[in-house]
Amino acid sequence: MPQILTPADKIARELGQAILLVDFRTPEQRQEFMGKVTWDRVARARFTNWMKENCPDIHCQDAYPPLSPGTIICPYFGTMAVVASEHDQPDAYQKIVGYWEDAAGNPKYATVTLFLVPKDFAYV
């Protein structure tokens, strides 16, 4: 059954805070838009379980990455919005980033990438 998912930038605007967007694709897979859309379901399940165990009070939901204006339909990329920001949920944010990224801010795992989506994100 088709679902209508909210883009991460709309979630951030509605909440009035930055959020994290978690992508479970490799950089090469992110280059595919309407082609073969795949993501690492095992990595997504591992991330979801880790969040339930380590940050149970932090809301997570399926979400699109920010979409350019005029996008009517696109496939789901497996992305997840995590309502945590350095300013609004600093302890959870540091725990999430500290576990999933190295000290330089690079992903520790090839198919789990965190992106910050600011509350005022807009395509120009």
Protein backbone atom coordinates (compact mmCIF):
# COMPACT_ATOMS: atom_id res chain seq x y z
CA MET A 1 0.00 0.00 0.00
CA PRO A 2 1.48 3.39 -0.91
CA GLN A 3 2.37 5.73 1.91
CA ILE A 4 2.67 9.48 1.98
CA LEU A 5 5.89 10.30 3.78
CA THR A 6 6.92 13.71 5.01
CA PRO A 7 10.21 15.21 3.82
CA ALA A 8 12.73 15.77 6.62
CA ASP A 9 12.87 19.54 6.06
CA LYS A 10 9.10 19.80 6.60
CA ILE A 11 9.41 17.80 9.83
CA ALA A 12 12.18 20.14 11.03
CA ARG A 13 10.14 23.25 10.16
CA GLU A 14 7.00 21.90 11.86
CA LEU A 15 8.96 21.05 15.01
CA GLY A 16 10.89 24.31 14.92
CA GLN A 17 14.23 22.58 15.36
CA ALA A 18 16.99 20.88 13.42
CA ILE A 19 16.76 17.11 13.11
CA LEU A 20 18.94 14.27 11.92
CA LEU A 21 18.23 12.41 8.71
CA VAL A 22 19.71 8.92 8.55
CA ASP A 23 20.48 7.46 5.14
CA PHE A 24 21.17 3.75 4.74
CA ARG A 25 22.68 3.89 1.26
CA THR A 26 26.24 4.10 0.05
CA PRO A 27 27.31 7.34 -1.67
CA GLU A 28 27.08 5.47 -4.99
CA GLN A 29 23.52 4.35 -4.25
CA ARG A 30 22.58 7.97 -3.45
CA GLN A 31 23.43 8.88 -7.04
CA GLU A 32 20.51 6.73 -8.24
CA PHE A 33 17.27 8.67 -8.03
CA MET A 34 14.62 6.97 -10.11
CA GLY A 35 16.71 3.98 -11.09
CA LYS A 36 17.18 0.93 -8.91
CA VAL A 37 16.61 2.19 -5.39
CA THR A 38 18.27 0.02 -2.78
CA TRP A 39 19.37 0.54 0.79
CA ASP A 40 20.89 -1.60 3.50
CA ARG A 41 17.92 -3.03 5.38
CA VAL A 42 20.20 -4.79 7.88
CA ALA A 43 21.92 -1.49 8.74
CA ARG A 44 18.52 0.20 9.11
CA ALA A 45 17.31 -2.53 11.47
CA ARG A 46 20.57 -2.27 13.46
CA PHE A 47 20.14 1.51 13.73
CA THR A 48 16.47 1.19 14.74
CA ASN A 49 17.30 -1.39 17.41
CA TRP A 50 20.21 0.71 18.68
CA MET A 51 17.91 3.73 19.00
CA LYS A 52 15.30 1.70 20.92
CA GLU A 53 17.97 0.49 23.35
CA ASN A 54 20.02 3.67 23.72
CA CYS A 55 17.66 6.60 23.02
CA PRO A 56 14.15 5.23 23.63
CA ASP A 57 12.67 8.69 24.22
CA ILE A 58 13.83 10.07 20.87
CA HIS A 59 11.19 10.04 18.13
CA CYS A 60 12.12 8.41 14.80
CA GLN A 61 9.99 8.13 11.68
CA ASP A 62 10.25 7.21 8.03
CA ALA A 63 10.91 10.34 5.98
CA TYR A 64 12.06 11.52 2.62
CA PRO A 65 15.21 13.58 2.34
CA PRO A 66 14.45 17.20 1.41
CA LEU A 67 12.88 17.17 -2.04
CA SER A 68 13.19 19.87 -4.65
CA PRO A 69 10.08 21.93 -5.34
CA GLY A 70 7.77 20.35 -7.87
CA THR A 71 8.59 16.76 -6.96
CA ILE A 72 5.32 14.88 -7.20
CA ILE A 73 6.38 11.30 -6.64
CA CYS A 74 9.61 9.50 -5.89
CA PRO A 75 10.60 6.14 -4.44
CA TYR A 76 11.29 5.67 -0.75
CA PHE A 77 15.00 5.66 0.01
CA GLY A 78 14.82 3.97 3.43
CA THR A 79 15.68 7.26 5.16
CA MET A 80 14.62 8.02 8.70
CA ALA A 81 14.11 11.30 10.53
CA VAL A 82 15.44 11.37 14.09
CA VAL A 83 14.21 14.21 16.26
CA ALA A 84 17.49 15.12 17.89
CA SER A 85 19.60 18.23 17.53
CA GLU A 86 22.69 19.52 19.27
CA HIS A 87 20.70 22.44 20.67
CA ASP A 88 17.35 20.84 21.60
CA GLN A 89 18.36 17.29 22.66
CA PRO A 90 22.11 17.64 23.27
CA ASP A 91 22.66 14.44 25.27
CA ALA A 92 20.86 12.19 22.79
CA TYR A 93 22.41 14.02 19.84
CA GLN A 94 25.93 13.50 21.20
CA LYS A 95 25.22 9.85 21.96
CA ILE A 96 23.88 9.21 18.44
CA VAL A 97 26.62 11.12 16.63
CA GLY A 98 29.31 9.72 18.92
CA TYR A 99 28.29 6.16 18.16
CA TRP A 100 27.61 6.39 14.42
CA GLU A 101 30.37 8.85 13.39
CA ASP A 102 34.10 9.04 14.03
CA ALA A 103 35.81 12.02 15.67
CA ALA A 104 36.15 13.78 12.28
CA GLY A 105 32.39 13.47 11.58
CA ASN A 106 32.68 10.69 9.02
CA PRO A 107 30.36 7.68 9.05
CA LYS A 108 31.77 4.68 10.91
CA TYR A 109 29.68 2.38 8.72
CA ALA A 110 29.40 2.73 4.94
CA THR A 111 25.61 2.47 4.89
CA VAL A 112 24.67 4.59 7.92
CA THR A 113 25.14 8.28 7.21
CA LEU A 114 23.79 11.09 9.39
CA PHE A 115 22.75 14.41 7.89
CA LEU A 116 21.68 17.48 9.80
CA VAL A 117 18.50 19.07 8.45
CA PRO A 118 18.10 22.63 9.80
CA LYS A 119 14.66 23.97 10.66
CA ASP A 120 15.06 26.68 8.04
CA PHE A 121 16.32 24.45 5.21
CA ALA A 122 15.15 25.61 1.80
CA TYR A 123 16.11 24.88 -1.77
CA VAL A 124 17.32 28.03 -3.49
